[in-house]
């Protein structure tokens, strides 16, 4: 492995650890508020890389206040990390897509 490969691997590992720590806090805070969130995509499939984002599937209420609360909860934890995220509300996609996300990722 050359120096650039080692640097990329180290940065990817650091970024993955940061993402995992943030997502752990998100899931804990969401559960405390009665919100069910599933991690999907590259982080769930252990394929998180330097340019990956965090993909979260939110189950439950479609109420605007609920959505705002979830968006704020996630943004608060990921702010300042330079890790982008996607919030996918299960109520916005078909049941088949939800199953696909849960089984296969994004």
PDB file of N, CA and C in Angstrom:
ATOM      1  N   UNK A   1       0.859  -1.181   0.000  1.00  0.00           N
ATOM      2  CA  UNK A   1       0.000   0.000   0.000  1.00  0.00           C
ATOM      3  C   UNK A   1       0.899   1.236   0.000  1.00  0.00           C
ATOM      4  N   UNK A   2       0.619   2.166  -0.906  1.00  0.00           N
ATOM      5  CA  UNK A   2       1.412   3.388  -0.943  1.00  0.00           C
ATOM      6  C   UNK A   2       0.839   4.424   0.028  1.00  0.00           C
ATOM      7  N   UNK A   3       1.512   5.563   0.125  1.00  0.00           N
ATOM      8  CA  UNK A   3       1.124   6.585   1.108  1.00  0.00           C
ATOM      9  C   UNK A   3      -0.272   7.137   0.856  1.00  0.00           C
ATOM     10  N   UNK A   4      -0.606   7.357  -0.391  1.00  0.00           N
ATOM     11  CA  UNK A   4      -1.930   7.919  -0.685  1.00  0.00           C
ATOM     12  C   UNK A   4      -3.030   6.924  -0.338  1.00  0.00           C
ATOM     13  N   UNK A   5      -2.814   5.654  -0.627  1.00  0.00           N
ATOM     14  CA  UNK A   5      -3.801   4.630  -0.265  1.00  0.00           C
ATOM     15  C   UNK A   5      -3.968   4.547   1.247  1.00  0.00           C
ATOM     16  N   UNK A   6      -2.854   4.637   1.959  1.00  0.00           N
ATOM     17  CA  UNK A   6      -2.906   4.598   3.425  1.00  0.00           C
ATOM     18  C   UNK A   6      -3.660   5.807   3.966  1.00  0.00           C
ATOM     19  N   UNK A   7      -3.425   6.971   3.376  1.00  0.00           N
ATOM     20  CA  UNK A   7      -4.118   8.184   3.804  1.00  0.00           C
ATOM     21  C   UNK A   7      -5.619   8.072   3.545  1.00  0.00           C
ATOM     22  N   UNK A   8      -5.988   7.596   2.379  1.00  0.00           N
ATOM     23  CA  UNK A   8      -7.409   7.432   2.051  1.00  0.00           C
ATOM     24  C   UNK A   8      -8.059   6.444   3.004  1.00  0.00           C
ATOM     25  N   UNK A   9      -7.394   5.349   3.276  1.00  0.00           N
ATOM     26  CA  UNK A   9      -7.944   4.349   4.196  1.00  0.00           C
ATOM     27  C   UNK A   9      -8.119   4.936   5.607  1.00  0.00           C
ATOM     28  N   UNK A  10      -7.120   5.687   6.069  1.00  0.00           N
ATOM     29  CA  UNK A  10      -7.204   6.296   7.401  1.00  0.00           C
ATOM     30  C   UNK A  10      -8.358   7.302   7.468  1.00  0.00           C
ATOM     31  N   UNK A  11      -8.481   8.120   6.443  1.00  0.00           N
ATOM     32  CA  UNK A  11      -9.577   9.099   6.418  1.00  0.00           C
ATOM     33  C   UNK A  11     -10.934   8.408   6.364  1.00  0.00           C
ATOM     34  N   UNK A  12     -11.028   7.354   5.584  1.00  0.00           N
ATOM     35  CA  UNK A  12     -12.290   6.601   5.506  1.00  0.00           C
ATOM     36  C   UNK A  12     -12.625   5.978   6.852  1.00  0.00           C
ATOM     37  N   UNK A  13     -11.625   5.416   7.523  1.00  0.00           N
ATOM     38  CA  UNK A  13     -11.850   4.818   8.847  1.00  0.00           C
ATOM     39  C   UNK A  13     -12.297   5.869   9.853  1.00  0.00           C
ATOM     40  N   UNK A  14     -11.629   7.033   9.843  1.00  0.00           N
ATOM     41  CA  UNK A  14     -12.003   8.112  10.765  1.00  0.00           C
ATOM     42  C   UNK A  14     -13.423   8.597  10.482  1.00  0.00           C
ATOM     43  N   UNK A  15     -13.739   8.754   9.222  1.00  0.00           N
ATOM     44  CA  UNK A  15     -15.071   9.230   8.832  1.00  0.00           C
ATOM     45  C   UNK A  15     -16.145   8.216   9.217  1.00  0.00           C
ATOM     46  N   UNK A  16     -15.864   6.931   9.012  1.00  0.00           N
ATOM     47  CA  UNK A  16     -16.805   5.871   9.387  1.00  0.00           C
ATOM     48  C   UNK A  16     -17.024   5.861  10.897  1.00  0.00           C
ATOM     49  N   UNK A  17     -15.962   5.995  11.668  1.00  0.00           N
ATOM     50  CA  UNK A  17     -16.095   6.017  13.131  1.00  0.00           C
ATOM     51  C   UNK A  17     -16.921   7.214  13.584  1.00  0.00           C
ATOM     52  N   UNK A  18     -16.691   8.366  12.965  1.00  0.00           N
ATOM     53  CA  UNK A  18     -17.480   9.555  13.292  1.00  0.00           C
ATOM     54  C   UNK A  18     -18.944   9.326  12.948  1.00  0.00           C
ATOM     55  N   UNK A  19     -19.203   8.794  11.769  1.00  0.00           N
ATOM     56  CA  UNK A  19     -20.585   8.523  11.345  1.00  0.00           C
ATOM     57  C   UNK A  19     -21.252   7.537  12.290  1.00  0.00           C
ATOM     58  N   UNK A  20     -20.554   6.473  12.660  1.00  0.00           N
ATOM     59  CA  UNK A  20     -21.127   5.474  13.562  1.00  0.00           C
ATOM     60  C   UNK A  20     -21.450   6.075  14.926  1.00  0.00           C
ATOM     61  N   UNK A  21     -20.563   6.912  15.446  1.00  0.00           N
ATOM     62  CA  UNK A  21     -20.812   7.543  16.746  1.00  0.00           C
ATOM     63  C   UNK A  21     -22.022   8.469  16.669  1.00  0.00           C
ATOM     64  N   UNK A  22     -22.107   9.265  15.612  1.00  0.00           N
ATOM     65  CA  UNK A  22     -23.248  10.173  15.446  1.00  0.00           C
ATOM     66  C   UNK A  22     -24.547   9.395  15.300  1.00  0.00           C
ATOM     67  N   UNK A  23     -24.534   8.354  14.492  1.00  0.00           N
ATOM     68  CA  UNK A  23     -25.742   7.561  14.273  1.00  0.00           C
ATOM     69  C   UNK A  23     -26.158   6.856  15.558  1.00  0.00           C
ATOM     70  N   UNK A  24     -25.212   6.413  16.333  1.00  0.00           N
ATOM     71  CA  UNK A  24     -25.539   5.792  17.621  1.00  0.00           C
ATOM     72  C   UNK A  24     -26.292   6.776  18.515  1.00  0.00           C
ATOM     73  N   UNK A  25     -25.823   8.022  18.552  1.00  0.00           N
ATOM     74  CA  UNK A  25     -26.513   9.056  19.345  1.00  0.00           C
ATOM     75  C   UNK A  25     -27.885   9.370  18.753  1.00  0.00           C
ATOM     76  N   UNK A  26     -27.969   9.429  17.426  1.00  0.00           N
ATOM     77  CA  UNK A  26     -29.257   9.683  16.766  1.00  0.00           C
ATOM     78  C   UNK A  26     -30.259   8.605  17.141  1.00  0.00           C
ATOM     79  N   UNK A  27     -29.863   7.353  17.036  1.00  0.00           N
ATOM     80  CA  UNK A  27     -30.776   6.246  17.340  1.00  0.00           C
ATOM     81  C   UNK A  27     -31.200   6.261  18.803  1.00  0.00           C
ATOM     82  N   UNK A  28     -30.265   6.546  19.692  1.00  0.00           N
ATOM     83  CA  UNK A  28     -30.587   6.612  21.120  1.00  0.00           C
ATOM     84  C   UNK A  28     -31.572   7.753  21.409  1.00  0.00           C
ATOM     85  N   UNK A  29     -31.297   8.933  20.856  1.00  0.00           N
ATOM     86  CA  UNK A  29     -32.184  10.084  21.068  1.00  0.00           C
ATOM     87  C   UNK A  29     -33.545   9.866  20.415  1.00  0.00           C
ATOM     88  N   UNK A  30     -33.552   9.251  19.247  1.00  0.00           N
ATOM     89  CA  UNK A  30     -34.819   8.971  18.563  1.00  0.00           C
ATOM     90  C   UNK A  30     -35.658   7.995  19.379  1.00  0.00           C
ATOM     91  N   UNK A  31     -35.032   6.949  19.862  1.00  0.00           N
ATOM     92  CA  UNK A  31     -35.760   5.956  20.660  1.00  0.00           C
ATOM     93  C   UNK A  31     -36.362   6.599  21.904  1.00  0.00           C
ATOM     94  N   UNK A  32     -35.624   7.498  22.536  1.00  0.00           N
ATOM     95  CA  UNK A  32     -36.124   8.189  23.727  1.00  0.00           C
ATOM     96  C   UNK A  32     -37.352   9.036  23.407  1.00  0.00           C
ATOM     97  N   UNK A  33     -37.494   9.435  22.143  1.00  0.00           N
ATOM     98  CA  UNK A  33     -38.639  10.241  21.708  1.00  0.00           C
ATOM     99  C   UNK A  33     -39.709   9.390  21.020  1.00  0.00           C
ATOM    100  N   UNK A  34     -39.532   8.085  21.042  1.00  0.00           N
ATOM    101  CA  UNK A  34     -40.515   7.195  20.436  1.00  0.00           C
ATOM    102  C   UNK A  34     -40.446   7.120  18.927  1.00  0.00           C
ATOM    103  N   UNK A  35     -39.288   7.440  18.366  1.00  0.00           N
ATOM    104  CA  UNK A  35     -39.114   7.441  16.917  1.00  0.00           C
ATOM    105  C   UNK A  35     -38.286   6.222  16.518  1.00  0.00           C
ATOM    106  N   UNK A  36     -38.772   5.497  15.521  1.00  0.00           N
ATOM    107  CA  UNK A  36     -38.085   4.311  15.017  1.00  0.00           C
ATOM    108  C   UNK A  36     -37.335   4.673  13.741  1.00  0.00           C
ATOM    109  N   UNK A  37     -36.009   4.551  13.787  1.00  0.00           N
ATOM    110  CA  UNK A  37     -35.160   4.857  12.641  1.00  0.00           C
ATOM    111  C   UNK A  37     -34.290   3.644  12.347  1.00  0.00           C
ATOM    112  N   UNK A  38     -34.181   3.311  11.061  1.00  0.00           N
ATOM    113  CA  UNK A  38     -33.287   2.237  10.620  1.00  0.00           C
ATOM    114  C   UNK A  38     -32.136   2.842   9.831  1.00  0.00           C
ATOM    115  N   UNK A  39     -30.950   2.341  10.062  1.00  0.00           N
ATOM    116  CA  UNK A  39     -29.786   2.736   9.271  1.00  0.00           C
ATOM    117  C   UNK A  39     -29.777   1.857   8.023  1.00  0.00           C
ATOM    118  N   UNK A  40     -29.710   2.490   6.863  1.00  0.00           N
ATOM    119  CA  UNK A  40     -29.661   1.765   5.595  1.00  0.00           C
ATOM    120  C   UNK A  40     -28.467   2.288   4.798  1.00  0.00           C
ATOM    121  N   UNK A  41     -28.222   1.703   3.669  1.00  0.00           N
ATOM    122  CA  UNK A  41     -27.152   2.190   2.817  1.00  0.00           C
ATOM    123  C   UNK A  41     -25.779   1.707   3.229  1.00  0.00           C
ATOM    124  N   UNK A  42     -24.773   2.456   2.817  1.00  0.00           N
ATOM    125  CA  UNK A  42     -23.389   2.013   2.972  1.00  0.00           C
ATOM    126  C   UNK A  42     -22.971   1.826   4.423  1.00  0.00           C
ATOM    127  N   UNK A  43     -23.458   2.660   5.323  1.00  0.00           N
ATOM    128  CA  UNK A  43     -23.081   2.502   6.728  1.00  0.00           C
ATOM    129  C   UNK A  43     -23.657   1.213   7.296  1.00  0.00           C
ATOM    130  N   UNK A  44     -24.863   0.884   6.922  1.00  0.00           N
ATOM    131  CA  UNK A  44     -25.493  -0.354   7.395  1.00  0.00           C
ATOM    132  C   UNK A  44     -24.826  -1.583   6.796  1.00  0.00           C
ATOM    133  N   UNK A  45     -24.314  -1.449   5.598  1.00  0.00           N
ATOM    134  CA  UNK A  45     -23.729  -2.585   4.878  1.00  0.00           C
ATOM    135  C   UNK A  45     -22.209  -2.655   5.036  1.00  0.00           C
ATOM    136  N   UNK A  46     -21.658  -1.841   5.932  1.00  0.00           N
ATOM    137  CA  UNK A  46     -20.214  -1.808   6.179  1.00  0.00           C
ATOM    138  C   UNK A  46     -19.426  -1.496   4.901  1.00  0.00           C
ATOM    139  N   UNK A  47     -19.976  -0.569   4.104  1.00  0.00           N
ATOM    140  CA  UNK A  47     -19.311  -0.128   2.878  1.00  0.00           C
ATOM    141  C   UNK A  47     -19.111   1.389   2.904  1.00  0.00           C
ATOM    142  N   UNK A  48     -19.066   1.969   4.074  1.00  0.00           N
ATOM    143  CA  UNK A  48     -18.938   3.415   4.230  1.00  0.00           C
ATOM    144  C   UNK A  48     -17.529   3.841   3.821  1.00  0.00           C
ATOM    145  N   UNK A  49     -17.440   4.787   2.926  1.00  0.00           N
ATOM    146  CA  UNK A  49     -16.157   5.239   2.392  1.00  0.00           C
ATOM    147  C   UNK A  49     -15.965   6.737   2.642  1.00  0.00           C
ATOM    148  N   UNK A  50     -14.896   7.277   2.071  1.00  0.00           N
ATOM    149  CA  UNK A  50     -14.539   8.677   2.282  1.00  0.00           C
ATOM    150  C   UNK A  50     -15.660   9.621   1.858  1.00  0.00           C
ATOM    151  N   UNK A  51     -16.344   9.322   0.772  1.00  0.00           N
ATOM    152  CA  UNK A  51     -17.373  10.230   0.250  1.00  0.00           C
ATOM    153  C   UNK A  51     -18.797   9.728   0.475  1.00  0.00           C
ATOM    154  N   UNK A  52     -18.960   8.757   1.358  1.00  0.00           N
ATOM    155  CA  UNK A  52     -20.295   8.216   1.639  1.00  0.00           C
ATOM    156  C   UNK A  52     -21.121   9.192   2.461  1.00  0.00           C
ATOM    157  N   UNK A  53     -22.427   9.014   2.379  1.00  0.00           N
ATOM    158  CA  UNK A  53     -23.330   9.756   3.246  1.00  0.00           C
ATOM    159  C   UNK A  53     -24.023   8.764   4.177  1.00  0.00           C
ATOM    160  N   UNK A  54     -24.744   9.309   5.147  1.00  0.00           N
ATOM    161  CA  UNK A  54     -25.513   8.494   6.090  1.00  0.00           C
ATOM    162  C   UNK A  54     -26.951   8.450   5.588  1.00  0.00           C
ATOM    163  N   UNK A  55     -27.487   7.257   5.446  1.00  0.00           N
ATOM    164  CA  UNK A  55     -28.865   7.073   4.992  1.00  0.00           C
ATOM    165  C   UNK A  55     -29.696   6.525   6.141  1.00  0.00           C
ATOM    166  N   UNK A  56     -30.770   7.232   6.477  1.00  0.00           N
ATOM    167  CA  UNK A  56     -31.633   6.850   7.591  1.00  0.00           C
ATOM    168  C   UNK A  56     -33.071   6.725   7.114  1.00  0.00           C
ATOM    169  N   UNK A  57     -33.687   5.607   7.449  1.00  0.00           N
ATOM    170  CA  UNK A  57     -35.086   5.341   7.108  1.00  0.00           C
ATOM    171  C   UNK A  57     -35.922   5.571   8.359  1.00  0.00           C
ATOM    172  N   UNK A  58     -36.830   6.542   8.283  1.00  0.00           N
ATOM    173  CA  UNK A  58     -37.653   6.933   9.428  1.00  0.00           C
ATOM    174  C   UNK A  58     -39.032   6.301   9.289  1.00  0.00           C
ATOM    175  N   UNK A  59     -39.414   5.531  10.284  1.00  0.00           N
ATOM    176  CA  UNK A  59     -40.715   4.860  10.296  1.00  0.00           C
ATOM    177  C   UNK A  59     -41.705   5.699  11.101  1.00  0.00           C
ATOM    178  N   UNK A  60     -42.985   5.530  10.821  1.00  0.00           N
ATOM    179  CA  UNK A  60     -44.005   6.128  11.678  1.00  0.00           C
ATOM    180  C   UNK A  60     -44.671   7.363  11.123  1.00  0.00           C
ATOM    181  N   UNK A  61     -45.011   8.252  12.030  1.00  0.00           N
ATOM    182  CA  UNK A  61     -45.864   9.410  11.783  1.00  0.00           C
ATOM    183  C   UNK A  61     -45.428  10.255  10.591  1.00  0.00           C
ATOM    184  N   UNK A  62     -46.435  10.786   9.882  1.00  0.00           N
ATOM    185  CA  UNK A  62     -46.183  11.710   8.779  1.00  0.00           C
ATOM    186  C   UNK A  62     -46.482  13.149   9.181  1.00  0.00           C
ATOM    187  N   UNK A  63     -46.782  13.343  10.430  1.00  0.00           N
ATOM    188  CA  UNK A  63     -47.095  14.667  10.948  1.00  0.00           C
ATOM    189  C   UNK A  63     -45.916  15.624  10.712  1.00  0.00           C
ATOM    190  N   UNK A  64     -46.183  16.837  10.212  1.00  0.00           N
ATOM    191  CA  UNK A  64     -45.102  17.793   9.955  1.00  0.00           C
ATOM    192  C   UNK A  64     -44.245  18.098  11.189  1.00  0.00           C
ATOM    193  N   UNK A  65     -44.860  18.188  12.344  1.00  0.00           N
ATOM    194  CA  UNK A  65     -44.090  18.453  13.565  1.00  0.00           C
ATOM    195  C   UNK A  65     -43.139  17.294  13.866  1.00  0.00           C
ATOM    196  N   UNK A  66     -43.599  16.082  13.619  1.00  0.00           N
ATOM    197  CA  UNK A  66     -42.766  14.890  13.815  1.00  0.00           C
ATOM    198  C   UNK A  66     -41.567  14.920  12.864  1.00  0.00           C
ATOM    199  N   UNK A  67     -41.833  15.241  11.620  1.00  0.00           N
ATOM    200  CA  UNK A  67     -40.757  15.316  10.628  1.00  0.00           C
ATOM    201  C   UNK A  67     -39.728  16.376  11.016  1.00  0.00           C
ATOM    202  N   UNK A  68     -40.208  17.518  11.426  1.00  0.00           N
ATOM    203  CA  UNK A  68     -39.307  18.594  11.829  1.00  0.00           C
ATOM    204  C   UNK A  68     -38.448  18.170  13.005  1.00  0.00           C
ATOM    205  N   UNK A  69     -39.049  17.502  13.980  1.00  0.00           N
ATOM    206  CA  UNK A  69     -38.306  17.030  15.141  1.00  0.00           C
ATOM    207  C   UNK A  69     -37.214  16.051  14.721  1.00  0.00           C
ATOM    208  N   UNK A  70     -37.544  15.114  13.828  1.00  0.00           N
ATOM    209  CA  UNK A  70     -36.563  14.132  13.358  1.00  0.00           C
ATOM    210  C   UNK A  70     -35.446  14.837  12.587  1.00  0.00           C
ATOM    211  N   UNK A  71     -35.805  15.746  11.710  1.00  0.00           N
ATOM    212  CA  UNK A  71     -34.800  16.475  10.930  1.00  0.00           C
ATOM    213  C   UNK A  71     -33.853  17.242  11.839  1.00  0.00           C
ATOM    214  N   UNK A  72     -34.388  17.880  12.851  1.00  0.00           N
ATOM    215  CA  UNK A  72     -33.564  18.632  13.795  1.00  0.00           C
ATOM    216  C   UNK A  72     -32.654  17.700  14.593  1.00  0.00           C
ATOM    217  N   UNK A  73     -33.204  16.579  15.051  1.00  0.00           N
ATOM    218  CA  UNK A  73     -32.434  15.609  15.827  1.00  0.00           C
ATOM    219  C   UNK A  73     -31.225  15.115  15.019  1.00  0.00           C
ATOM    220  N   UNK A  74     -31.447  14.782  13.768  1.00  0.00           N
ATOM    221  CA  UNK A  74     -30.368  14.279  12.917  1.00  0.00           C
ATOM    222  C   UNK A  74     -29.368  15.392  12.603  1.00  0.00           C
ATOM    223  N   UNK A  75     -29.864  16.551  12.219  1.00  0.00           N
ATOM    224  CA  UNK A  75     -28.977  17.666  11.880  1.00  0.00           C
ATOM    225  C   UNK A  75     -28.106  18.061  13.063  1.00  0.00           C
ATOM    226  N   UNK A  76     -28.672  18.078  14.255  1.00  0.00           N
ATOM    227  CA  UNK A  76     -27.903  18.446  15.449  1.00  0.00           C
ATOM    228  C   UNK A  76     -26.727  17.507  15.676  1.00  0.00           C
ATOM    229  N   UNK A  77     -26.916  16.230  15.414  1.00  0.00           N
ATOM    230  CA  UNK A  77     -25.843  15.257  15.647  1.00  0.00           C
ATOM    231  C   UNK A  77     -24.780  15.272  14.547  1.00  0.00           C
ATOM    232  N   UNK A  78     -25.166  15.570  13.326  1.00  0.00           N
ATOM    233  CA  UNK A  78     -24.209  15.516  12.216  1.00  0.00           C
ATOM    234  C   UNK A  78     -23.598  16.869  11.869  1.00  0.00           C
ATOM    235  N   UNK A  79     -24.108  17.928  12.486  1.00  0.00           N
ATOM    236  CA  UNK A  79     -23.588  19.267  12.221  1.00  0.00           C
ATOM    237  C   UNK A  79     -22.092  19.322  12.533  1.00  0.00           C
ATOM    238  N   UNK A  80     -21.337  19.902  11.623  1.00  0.00           N
ATOM    239  CA  UNK A  80     -19.908  20.087  11.831  1.00  0.00           C
ATOM    240  C   UNK A  80     -19.052  18.887  11.461  1.00  0.00           C
ATOM    241  N   UNK A  81     -19.668  17.799  11.038  1.00  0.00           N
ATOM    242  CA  UNK A  81     -18.901  16.603  10.681  1.00  0.00           C
ATOM    243  C   UNK A  81     -18.542  16.562   9.199  1.00  0.00           C
ATOM    244  N   UNK A  82     -19.192  17.378   8.404  1.00  0.00           N
ATOM    245  CA  UNK A  82     -19.050  17.339   6.942  1.00  0.00           C
ATOM    246  C   UNK A  82     -19.481  16.002   6.359  1.00  0.00           C
ATOM    247  N   UNK A  83     -20.357  15.314   7.068  1.00  0.00           N
ATOM    248  CA  UNK A  83     -20.922  14.064   6.561  1.00  0.00           C
ATOM    249  C   UNK A  83     -22.365  14.347   6.144  1.00  0.00           C
ATOM    250  N   UNK A  84     -22.654  14.259   4.854  1.00  0.00           N
ATOM    251  CA  UNK A  84     -24.035  14.485   4.415  1.00  0.00           C
ATOM    252  C   UNK A  84     -24.928  13.321   4.828  1.00  0.00           C
ATOM    253  N   UNK A  85     -26.215  13.582   4.821  1.00  0.00           N
ATOM    254  CA  UNK A  85     -27.154  12.524   5.193  1.00  0.00           C
ATOM    255  C   UNK A  85     -28.413  12.632   4.352  1.00  0.00           C
ATOM    256  N   UNK A  86     -29.087  11.501   4.241  1.00  0.00           N
ATOM    257  CA  UNK A  86     -30.389  11.431   3.585  1.00  0.00           C
ATOM    258  C   UNK A  86     -31.382  10.869   4.582  1.00  0.00           C
ATOM    259  N   UNK A  87     -32.479  11.587   4.772  1.00  0.00           N
ATOM    260  CA  UNK A  87     -33.591  11.088   5.576  1.00  0.00           C
ATOM    261  C   UNK A  87     -34.652  10.592   4.611  1.00  0.00           C
ATOM    262  N   UNK A  88     -34.998   9.343   4.747  1.00  0.00           N
ATOM    263  CA  UNK A  88     -36.035   8.745   3.911  1.00  0.00           C
ATOM    264  C   UNK A  88     -37.192   8.403   4.834  1.00  0.00           C
ATOM    265  N   UNK A  89     -38.317   9.038   4.628  1.00  0.00           N
ATOM    266  CA  UNK A  89     -39.486   8.759   5.456  1.00  0.00           C
ATOM    267  C   UNK A  89     -40.258   7.613   4.809  1.00  0.00           C
ATOM    268  N   UNK A  90     -40.436   6.543   5.557  1.00  0.00           N
ATOM    269  CA  UNK A  90     -41.083   5.335   5.032  1.00  0.00           C
ATOM    270  C   UNK A  90     -42.456   5.646   4.447  1.00  0.00           C
ATOM    271  N   UNK A  91     -43.132   6.622   5.013  1.00  0.00           N
ATOM    272  CA  UNK A  91     -44.468   6.971   4.528  1.00  0.00           C
ATOM    273  C   UNK A  91     -44.434   7.633   3.146  1.00  0.00           C
ATOM    274  N   UNK A  92     -43.256   8.061   2.697  1.00  0.00           N
ATOM    275  CA  UNK A  92     -43.123   8.717   1.395  1.00  0.00           C
ATOM    276  C   UNK A  92     -42.803   7.750   0.260  1.00  0.00           C
ATOM    277  N   UNK A  93     -42.516   6.510   0.599  1.00  0.00           N
ATOM    278  CA  UNK A  93     -42.149   5.530  -0.424  1.00  0.00           C
ATOM    279  C   UNK A  93     -43.051   4.307  -0.306  1.00  0.00           C
ATOM    280  N   UNK A  94     -43.033   3.489  -1.306  1.00  0.00           N
ATOM    281  CA  UNK A  94     -43.887   2.297  -1.300  1.00  0.00           C
ATOM    282  C   UNK A  94     -43.377   1.280  -0.277  1.00  0.00           C
ATOM    283  N   UNK A  95     -44.273   0.406   0.188  1.00  0.00           N
ATOM    284  CA  UNK A  95     -43.836  -0.667   1.096  1.00  0.00           C
ATOM    285  C   UNK A  95     -42.741  -1.536   0.468  1.00  0.00           C
ATOM    286  N   UNK A  96     -42.806  -1.718  -0.848  1.00  0.00           N
ATOM    287  CA  UNK A  96     -41.779  -2.501  -1.536  1.00  0.00           C
ATOM    288  C   UNK A  96     -40.425  -1.812  -1.443  1.00  0.00           C
ATOM    289  N   UNK A  97     -40.426  -0.487  -1.607  1.00  0.00           N
ATOM    290  CA  UNK A  97     -39.164   0.273  -1.511  1.00  0.00           C
ATOM    291  C   UNK A  97     -38.618   0.221  -0.089  1.00  0.00           C
ATOM    292  N   UNK A  98     -39.495   0.296   0.895  1.00  0.00           N
ATOM    293  CA  UNK A  98     -39.052   0.188   2.291  1.00  0.00           C
ATOM    294  C   UNK A  98     -38.346  -1.147   2.494  1.00  0.00           C
ATOM    295  N   UNK A  99     -38.948  -2.224   2.022  1.00  0.00           N
ATOM    296  CA  UNK A  99     -38.328  -3.547   2.162  1.00  0.00           C
ATOM    297  C   UNK A  99     -36.997  -3.618   1.422  1.00  0.00           C
ATOM    298  N   UNK A 100     -36.952  -3.013   0.253  1.00  0.00           N
ATOM    299  CA  UNK A 100     -35.707  -2.995  -0.510  1.00  0.00           C
ATOM    300  C   UNK A 100     -34.621  -2.252   0.263  1.00  0.00           C
ATOM    301  N   UNK A 101     -34.970  -1.119   0.830  1.00  0.00           N
ATOM    302  CA  UNK A 101     -34.001  -0.355   1.616  1.00  0.00           C
ATOM    303  C   UNK A 101     -33.506  -1.160   2.809  1.00  0.00           C
ATOM    304  N   UNK A 102     -34.420  -1.825   3.480  1.00  0.00           N
ATOM    305  CA  UNK A 102     -34.050  -2.602   4.664  1.00  0.00           C
ATOM    306  C   UNK A 102     -33.214  -3.827   4.302  1.00  0.00           C
ATOM    307  N   UNK A 103     -33.483  -4.411   3.155  1.00  0.00           N
ATOM    308  CA  UNK A 103     -32.782  -5.638   2.762  1.00  0.00           C
ATOM    309  C   UNK A 103     -31.516  -5.398   1.954  1.00  0.00           C
ATOM    310  N   UNK A 104     -31.570  -4.406   1.082  1.00  0.00           N
ATOM    311  CA  UNK A 104     -30.487  -4.234   0.121  1.00  0.00           C
ATOM    312  C   UNK A 104     -29.732  -2.926   0.251  1.00  0.00           C
ATOM    313  N   UNK A 105     -30.165  -2.032   1.087  1.00  0.00           N
ATOM    314  CA  UNK A 105     -29.537  -0.725   1.158  1.00  0.00           C
ATOM    315  C   UNK A 105     -30.205   0.241   0.214  1.00  0.00           C
ATOM    316  N   UNK A 106     -29.479   1.262  -0.160  1.00  0.00           N
ATOM    317  CA  UNK A 106     -30.042   2.320  -0.991  1.00  0.00           C
ATOM    318  C   UNK A 106     -29.871   1.986  -2.443  1.00  0.00           C
TER     319      UNK A 106
END
